[in-house]
Amino acid sequence: MKIVLNGSLKEVVEGIAVEELIETLELLPEQVAVEVNGGLIVRAERSAFQLKEDDVVELVTLVGGG
């Protein structure tokens, strides 16, 4: 199925959970903020929140620096 991930079309497995998407992208879950269709998905809900066709997903990672 297709989703929009950070502004680009991406093909993912049907019914993939947000948590699985983060793992697939090899991101550190504790350093990612997730928004789906304009709503924030809190960490406790990521494993149960399944994406659907045409969902718009924004992943924002924390960047350290000085």
PDB file of N, CA and C in Angstrom:
ATOM      1  N   MET A   1       0.847  -1.177   0.000  1.00  0.00           N
ATOM      2  CA  MET A   1       0.000   0.000   0.000  1.00  0.00           C
ATOM      3  C   MET A   1       0.885   1.230   0.000  1.00  0.00           C
ATOM      4  N   LYS A   2       0.330   2.351  -0.397  1.00  0.00           N
ATOM      5  CA  LYS A   2       1.091   3.586  -0.492  1.00  0.00           C
ATOM      6  C   LYS A   2       0.703   4.549   0.618  1.00  0.00           C
ATOM      7  N   ILE A   3       1.727   5.183   1.191  1.00  0.00           N
ATOM      8  CA  ILE A   3       1.529   6.262   2.148  1.00  0.00           C
ATOM      9  C   ILE A   3       2.381   7.439   1.676  1.00  0.00           C
ATOM     10  N   VAL A   4       2.160   8.581   2.266  1.00  0.00           N
ATOM     11  CA  VAL A   4       3.021   9.728   2.030  1.00  0.00           C
ATOM     12  C   VAL A   4       3.866   9.889   3.286  1.00  0.00           C
ATOM     13  N   LEU A   5       5.172   9.727   3.126  1.00  0.00           N
ATOM     14  CA  LEU A   5       6.095   9.799   4.253  1.00  0.00           C
ATOM     15  C   LEU A   5       6.996  11.012   4.076  1.00  0.00           C
ATOM     16  N   ASN A   6       6.848  11.967   4.972  1.00  0.00           N
ATOM     17  CA  ASN A   6       7.636  13.209   4.910  1.00  0.00           C
ATOM     18  C   ASN A   6       7.623  13.813   3.505  1.00  0.00           C
ATOM     19  N   GLY A   7       6.431  13.831   2.898  1.00  0.00           N
ATOM     20  CA  GLY A   7       6.241  14.479   1.606  1.00  0.00           C
ATOM     21  C   GLY A   7       6.509  13.624   0.376  1.00  0.00           C
ATOM     22  N   SER A   8       6.950  12.370   0.567  1.00  0.00           N
ATOM     23  CA  SER A   8       7.242  11.496  -0.578  1.00  0.00           C
ATOM     24  C   SER A   8       6.401  10.230  -0.509  1.00  0.00           C
ATOM     25  N   LEU A   9       5.970   9.744  -1.677  1.00  0.00           N
ATOM     26  CA  LEU A   9       5.236   8.487  -1.713  1.00  0.00           C
ATOM     27  C   LEU A   9       6.148   7.338  -1.300  1.00  0.00           C
ATOM     28  N   LYS A  10       5.620   6.434  -0.495  1.00  0.00           N
ATOM     29  CA  LYS A  10       6.390   5.273  -0.059  1.00  0.00           C
ATOM     30  C   LYS A  10       5.471   4.066  -0.058  1.00  0.00           C
ATOM     31  N   GLU A  11       5.982   2.957  -0.583  1.00  0.00           N
ATOM     32  CA  GLU A  11       5.259   1.687  -0.585  1.00  0.00           C
ATOM     33  C   GLU A  11       5.618   0.957   0.708  1.00  0.00           C
ATOM     34  N   VAL A  12       4.587   0.540   1.454  1.00  0.00           N
ATOM     35  CA  VAL A  12       4.791  -0.201   2.702  1.00  0.00           C
ATOM     36  C   VAL A  12       3.867  -1.411   2.723  1.00  0.00           C
ATOM     37  N   VAL A  13       4.128  -2.316   3.639  1.00  0.00           N
ATOM     38  CA  VAL A  13       3.308  -3.510   3.810  1.00  0.00           C
ATOM     39  C   VAL A  13       1.923  -3.105   4.328  1.00  0.00           C
ATOM     40  N   GLU A  14       0.892  -3.725   3.794  1.00  0.00           N
ATOM     41  CA  GLU A  14      -0.482  -3.453   4.226  1.00  0.00           C
ATOM     42  C   GLU A  14      -0.616  -3.649   5.733  1.00  0.00           C
ATOM     43  N   GLY A  15      -1.201  -2.671   6.411  1.00  0.00           N
ATOM     44  CA  GLY A  15      -1.468  -2.782   7.850  1.00  0.00           C
ATOM     45  C   GLY A  15      -0.262  -2.598   8.743  1.00  0.00           C
ATOM     46  N   ILE A  16       0.825  -2.052   8.206  1.00  0.00           N
ATOM     47  CA  ILE A  16       2.023  -1.841   9.018  1.00  0.00           C
ATOM     48  C   ILE A  16       1.721  -0.883  10.166  1.00  0.00           C
ATOM     49  N   ALA A  17       2.250  -1.195  11.332  1.00  0.00           N
ATOM     50  CA  ALA A  17       2.088  -0.329  12.496  1.00  0.00           C
ATOM     51  C   ALA A  17       3.156   0.760  12.454  1.00  0.00           C
ATOM     52  N   VAL A  18       2.866   1.877  13.082  1.00  0.00           N
ATOM     53  CA  VAL A  18       3.820   2.981  13.133  1.00  0.00           C
ATOM     54  C   VAL A  18       5.154   2.504  13.707  1.00  0.00           C
ATOM     55  N   GLU A  19       5.109   1.711  14.748  1.00  0.00           N
ATOM     56  CA  GLU A  19       6.328   1.193  15.371  1.00  0.00           C
ATOM     57  C   GLU A  19       7.162   0.380  14.371  1.00  0.00           C
ATOM     58  N   GLU A  20       6.493  -0.436  13.556  1.00  0.00           N
ATOM     59  CA  GLU A  20       7.193  -1.235  12.548  1.00  0.00           C
ATOM     60  C   GLU A  20       7.819  -0.346  11.475  1.00  0.00           C
ATOM     61  N   LEU A  21       7.119   0.705  11.105  1.00  0.00           N
ATOM     62  CA  LEU A  21       7.653   1.643  10.119  1.00  0.00           C
ATOM     63  C   LEU A  21       8.947   2.267  10.636  1.00  0.00           C
ATOM     64  N   ILE A  22       8.942   2.685  11.881  1.00  0.00           N
ATOM     65  CA  ILE A  22      10.136   3.283  12.490  1.00  0.00           C
ATOM     66  C   ILE A  22      11.288   2.279  12.475  1.00  0.00           C
ATOM     67  N   GLU A  23      11.006   1.029  12.824  1.00  0.00           N
ATOM     68  CA  GLU A  23      12.044  -0.015  12.813  1.00  0.00           C
ATOM     69  C   GLU A  23      12.567  -0.250  11.398  1.00  0.00           C
ATOM     70  N   THR A  24      11.670  -0.300  10.428  1.00  0.00           N
ATOM     71  CA  THR A  24      12.053  -0.517   9.028  1.00  0.00           C
ATOM     72  C   THR A  24      12.998   0.577   8.540  1.00  0.00           C
ATOM     73  N   LEU A  25      12.772   1.787   9.004  1.00  0.00           N
ATOM     74  CA  LEU A  25      13.603   2.915   8.596  1.00  0.00           C
ATOM     75  C   LEU A  25      14.881   3.031   9.427  1.00  0.00           C
ATOM     76  N   GLU A  26      15.051   2.096  10.361  1.00  0.00           N
ATOM     77  CA  GLU A  26      16.230   2.045  11.233  1.00  0.00           C
ATOM     78  C   GLU A  26      16.436   3.336  12.018  1.00  0.00           C
ATOM     79  N   LEU A  27      15.318   3.865  12.541  1.00  0.00           N
ATOM     80  CA  LEU A  27      15.367   5.051  13.389  1.00  0.00           C
ATOM     81  C   LEU A  27      15.260   4.634  14.850  1.00  0.00           C
ATOM     82  N   LEU A  28      15.786   5.438  15.735  1.00  0.00           N
ATOM     83  CA  LEU A  28      15.673   5.170  17.159  1.00  0.00           C
ATOM     84  C   LEU A  28      14.322   5.687  17.647  1.00  0.00           C
ATOM     85  N   PRO A  29      13.451   4.797  18.123  1.00  0.00           N
ATOM     86  CA  PRO A  29      12.091   5.183  18.499  1.00  0.00           C
ATOM     87  C   PRO A  29      12.016   6.321  19.507  1.00  0.00           C
ATOM     88  N   GLU A  30      12.973   6.358  20.427  1.00  0.00           N
ATOM     89  CA  GLU A  30      12.939   7.400  21.456  1.00  0.00           C
ATOM     90  C   GLU A  30      13.353   8.768  20.919  1.00  0.00           C
ATOM     91  N   GLN A  31      13.830   8.815  19.682  1.00  0.00           N
ATOM     92  CA  GLN A  31      14.258  10.079  19.089  1.00  0.00           C
ATOM     93  C   GLN A  31      13.367  10.520  17.928  1.00  0.00           C
ATOM     94  N   VAL A  32      12.170   9.931  17.838  1.00  0.00           N
ATOM     95  CA  VAL A  32      11.269  10.230  16.724  1.00  0.00           C
ATOM     96  C   VAL A  32       9.914  10.711  17.241  1.00  0.00           C
ATOM     97  N   ALA A  33       9.441  11.802  16.663  1.00  0.00           N
ATOM     98  CA  ALA A  33       8.069  12.254  16.886  1.00  0.00           C
ATOM     99  C   ALA A  33       7.280  11.848  15.645  1.00  0.00           C
ATOM    100  N   VAL A  34       6.046  11.365  15.844  1.00  0.00           N
ATOM    101  CA  VAL A  34       5.254  10.840  14.737  1.00  0.00           C
ATOM    102  C   VAL A  34       3.911  11.566  14.660  1.00  0.00           C
ATOM    103  N   GLU A  35       3.573  11.975  13.448  1.00  0.00           N
ATOM    104  CA  GLU A  35       2.279  12.582  13.170  1.00  0.00           C
ATOM    105  C   GLU A  35       1.658  11.832  11.995  1.00  0.00           C
ATOM    106  N   VAL A  36       0.402  11.447  12.129  1.00  0.00           N
ATOM    107  CA  VAL A  36      -0.324  10.788  11.042  1.00  0.00           C
ATOM    108  C   VAL A  36      -1.581  11.597  10.762  1.00  0.00           C
ATOM    109  N   ASN A  37      -1.713  12.048   9.531  1.00  0.00           N
ATOM    110  CA  ASN A  37      -2.872  12.841   9.105  1.00  0.00           C
ATOM    111  C   ASN A  37      -3.134  14.021  10.034  1.00  0.00           C
ATOM    112  N   GLY A  38      -2.057  14.653  10.483  1.00  0.00           N
ATOM    113  CA  GLY A  38      -2.179  15.855  11.302  1.00  0.00           C
ATOM    114  C   GLY A  38      -2.305  15.624  12.794  1.00  0.00           C
ATOM    115  N   GLY A  39      -2.364  14.366  13.224  1.00  0.00           N
ATOM    116  CA  GLY A  39      -2.498  14.066  14.654  1.00  0.00           C
ATOM    117  C   GLY A  39      -1.252  13.388  15.204  1.00  0.00           C
ATOM    118  N   LEU A  40      -0.843  13.793  16.379  1.00  0.00           N
ATOM    119  CA  LEU A  40       0.332  13.221  17.028  1.00  0.00           C
ATOM    120  C   LEU A  40       0.029  11.808  17.505  1.00  0.00           C
ATOM    121  N   ILE A  41       0.958  10.881  17.259  1.00  0.00           N
ATOM    122  CA  ILE A  41       0.831   9.504  17.744  1.00  0.00           C
ATOM    123  C   ILE A  41       1.839   9.335  18.873  1.00  0.00           C
ATOM    124  N   VAL A  42       1.349   9.186  20.095  1.00  0.00           N
ATOM    125  CA  VAL A  42       2.241   9.054  21.248  1.00  0.00           C
ATOM    126  C   VAL A  42       2.901   7.689  21.233  1.00  0.00           C
ATOM    127  N   ARG A  43       4.049   7.602  21.871  1.00  0.00           N
ATOM    128  CA  ARG A  43       4.854   6.374  21.845  1.00  0.00           C
ATOM    129  C   ARG A  43       4.065   5.150  22.298  1.00  0.00           C
ATOM    130  N   ALA A  44       3.222   5.289  23.297  1.00  0.00           N
ATOM    131  CA  ALA A  44       2.453   4.154  23.827  1.00  0.00           C
ATOM    132  C   ALA A  44       1.464   3.588  22.806  1.00  0.00           C
ATOM    133  N   GLU A  45       1.092   4.372  21.791  1.00  0.00           N
ATOM    134  CA  GLU A  45       0.111   3.938  20.788  1.00  0.00           C
ATOM    135  C   GLU A  45       0.744   3.429  19.491  1.00  0.00           C
ATOM    136  N   ARG A  46       2.043   3.567  19.346  1.00  0.00           N
ATOM    137  CA  ARG A  46       2.699   3.264  18.066  1.00  0.00           C
ATOM    138  C   ARG A  46       2.581   1.807  17.636  1.00  0.00           C
ATOM    139  N   SER A  47       2.647   0.874  18.581  1.00  0.00           N
ATOM    140  CA  SER A  47       2.604  -0.542  18.192  1.00  0.00           C
ATOM    141  C   SER A  47       1.213  -0.961  17.732  1.00  0.00           C
ATOM    142  N   ALA A  48       0.172  -0.303  18.217  1.00  0.00           N
ATOM    143  CA  ALA A  48      -1.203  -0.662  17.865  1.00  0.00           C
ATOM    144  C   ALA A  48      -1.762   0.178  16.709  1.00  0.00           C
ATOM    145  N   PHE A  49      -1.121   1.288  16.395  1.00  0.00           N
ATOM    146  CA  PHE A  49      -1.644   2.195  15.374  1.00  0.00           C
ATOM    147  C   PHE A  49      -1.216   1.725  13.994  1.00  0.00           C
ATOM    148  N   GLN A  50      -2.164   1.153  13.253  1.00  0.00           N
ATOM    149  CA  GLN A  50      -1.882   0.647  11.911  1.00  0.00           C
ATOM    150  C   GLN A  50      -2.160   1.721  10.867  1.00  0.00           C
ATOM    151  N   LEU A  51      -1.241   1.828   9.937  1.00  0.00           N
ATOM    152  CA  LEU A  51      -1.395   2.789   8.863  1.00  0.00           C
ATOM    153  C   LEU A  51      -2.338   2.254   7.802  1.00  0.00           C
ATOM    154  N   LYS A  52      -2.991   3.186   7.101  1.00  0.00           N
ATOM    155  CA  LYS A  52      -3.921   2.840   6.035  1.00  0.00           C
ATOM    156  C   LYS A  52      -3.462   3.497   4.733  1.00  0.00           C
ATOM    157  N   GLU A  53      -3.981   2.978   3.636  1.00  0.00           N
ATOM    158  CA  GLU A  53      -3.685   3.527   2.306  1.00  0.00           C
ATOM    159  C   GLU A  53      -3.861   5.045   2.324  1.00  0.00           C
ATOM    160  N   ASP A  54      -2.895   5.754   1.748  1.00  0.00           N
ATOM    161  CA  ASP A  54      -2.909   7.210   1.577  1.00  0.00           C
ATOM    162  C   ASP A  54      -2.745   8.007   2.866  1.00  0.00           C
ATOM    163  N   ASP A  55      -2.397   7.362   3.994  1.00  0.00           N
ATOM    164  CA  ASP A  55      -2.098   8.124   5.202  1.00  0.00           C
ATOM    165  C   ASP A  55      -0.912   9.036   4.935  1.00  0.00           C
ATOM    166  N   VAL A  56      -0.933  10.201   5.559  1.00  0.00           N
ATOM    167  CA  VAL A  56       0.162  11.155   5.470  1.00  0.00           C
ATOM    168  C   VAL A  56       0.915  11.106   6.801  1.00  0.00           C
ATOM    169  N   VAL A  57       2.166  10.644   6.729  1.00  0.00           N
ATOM    170  CA  VAL A  57       2.974  10.408   7.917  1.00  0.00           C
ATOM    171  C   VAL A  57       4.150  11.376   7.916  1.00  0.00           C
ATOM    172  N   GLU A  58       4.344  12.026   9.050  1.00  0.00           N
ATOM    173  CA  GLU A  58       5.517  12.881   9.244  1.00  0.00           C
ATOM    174  C   GLU A  58       6.324  12.312  10.395  1.00  0.00           C
ATOM    175  N   LEU A  59       7.587  12.020  10.133  1.00  0.00           N
ATOM    176  CA  LEU A  59       8.514  11.573  11.163  1.00  0.00           C
ATOM    177  C   LEU A  59       9.551  12.662  11.351  1.00  0.00           C
ATOM    178  N   VAL A  60       9.707  13.104  12.589  1.00  0.00           N
ATOM    179  CA  VAL A  60      10.673  14.145  12.904  1.00  0.00           C
ATOM    180  C   VAL A  60      11.653  13.569  13.904  1.00  0.00           C
ATOM    181  N   THR A  61      12.938  13.621  13.571  1.00  0.00           N
ATOM    182  CA  THR A  61      13.956  13.089  14.480  1.00  0.00           C
ATOM    183  C   THR A  61      14.653  14.235  15.198  1.00  0.00           C
ATOM    184  N   LEU A  62      15.109  13.946  16.399  1.00  0.00           N
ATOM    185  CA  LEU A  62      15.842  14.927  17.188  1.00  0.00           C
ATOM    186  C   LEU A  62      17.290  14.963  16.715  1.00  0.00           C
ATOM    187  N   VAL A  63      17.821  16.145  16.652  1.00  0.00           N
ATOM    188  CA  VAL A  63      19.206  16.315  16.247  1.00  0.00           C
ATOM    189  C   VAL A  63      19.913  17.106  17.335  1.00  0.00           C
ATOM    190  N   GLY A  64      20.988  16.528  17.845  1.00  0.00           N
ATOM    191  CA  GLY A  64      21.762  17.211  18.882  1.00  0.00           C
ATOM    192  C   GLY A  64      22.824  18.088  18.237  1.00  0.00           C
ATOM    193  N   GLY A  65      23.313  19.012  18.998  1.00  0.00           N
ATOM    194  CA  GLY A  65      24.360  19.884  18.484  1.00  0.00           C
ATOM    195  C   GLY A  65      24.649  20.990  19.473  1.00  0.00           C
ATOM    196  N   GLY A  66      25.531  21.806  19.078  1.00  0.00           N
ATOM    197  CA  GLY A  66      25.896  22.867  20.009  1.00  0.00           C
ATOM    198  C   GLY A  66      26.083  24.181  19.347  1.00  0.00           C
TER     199      GLY A  66
END
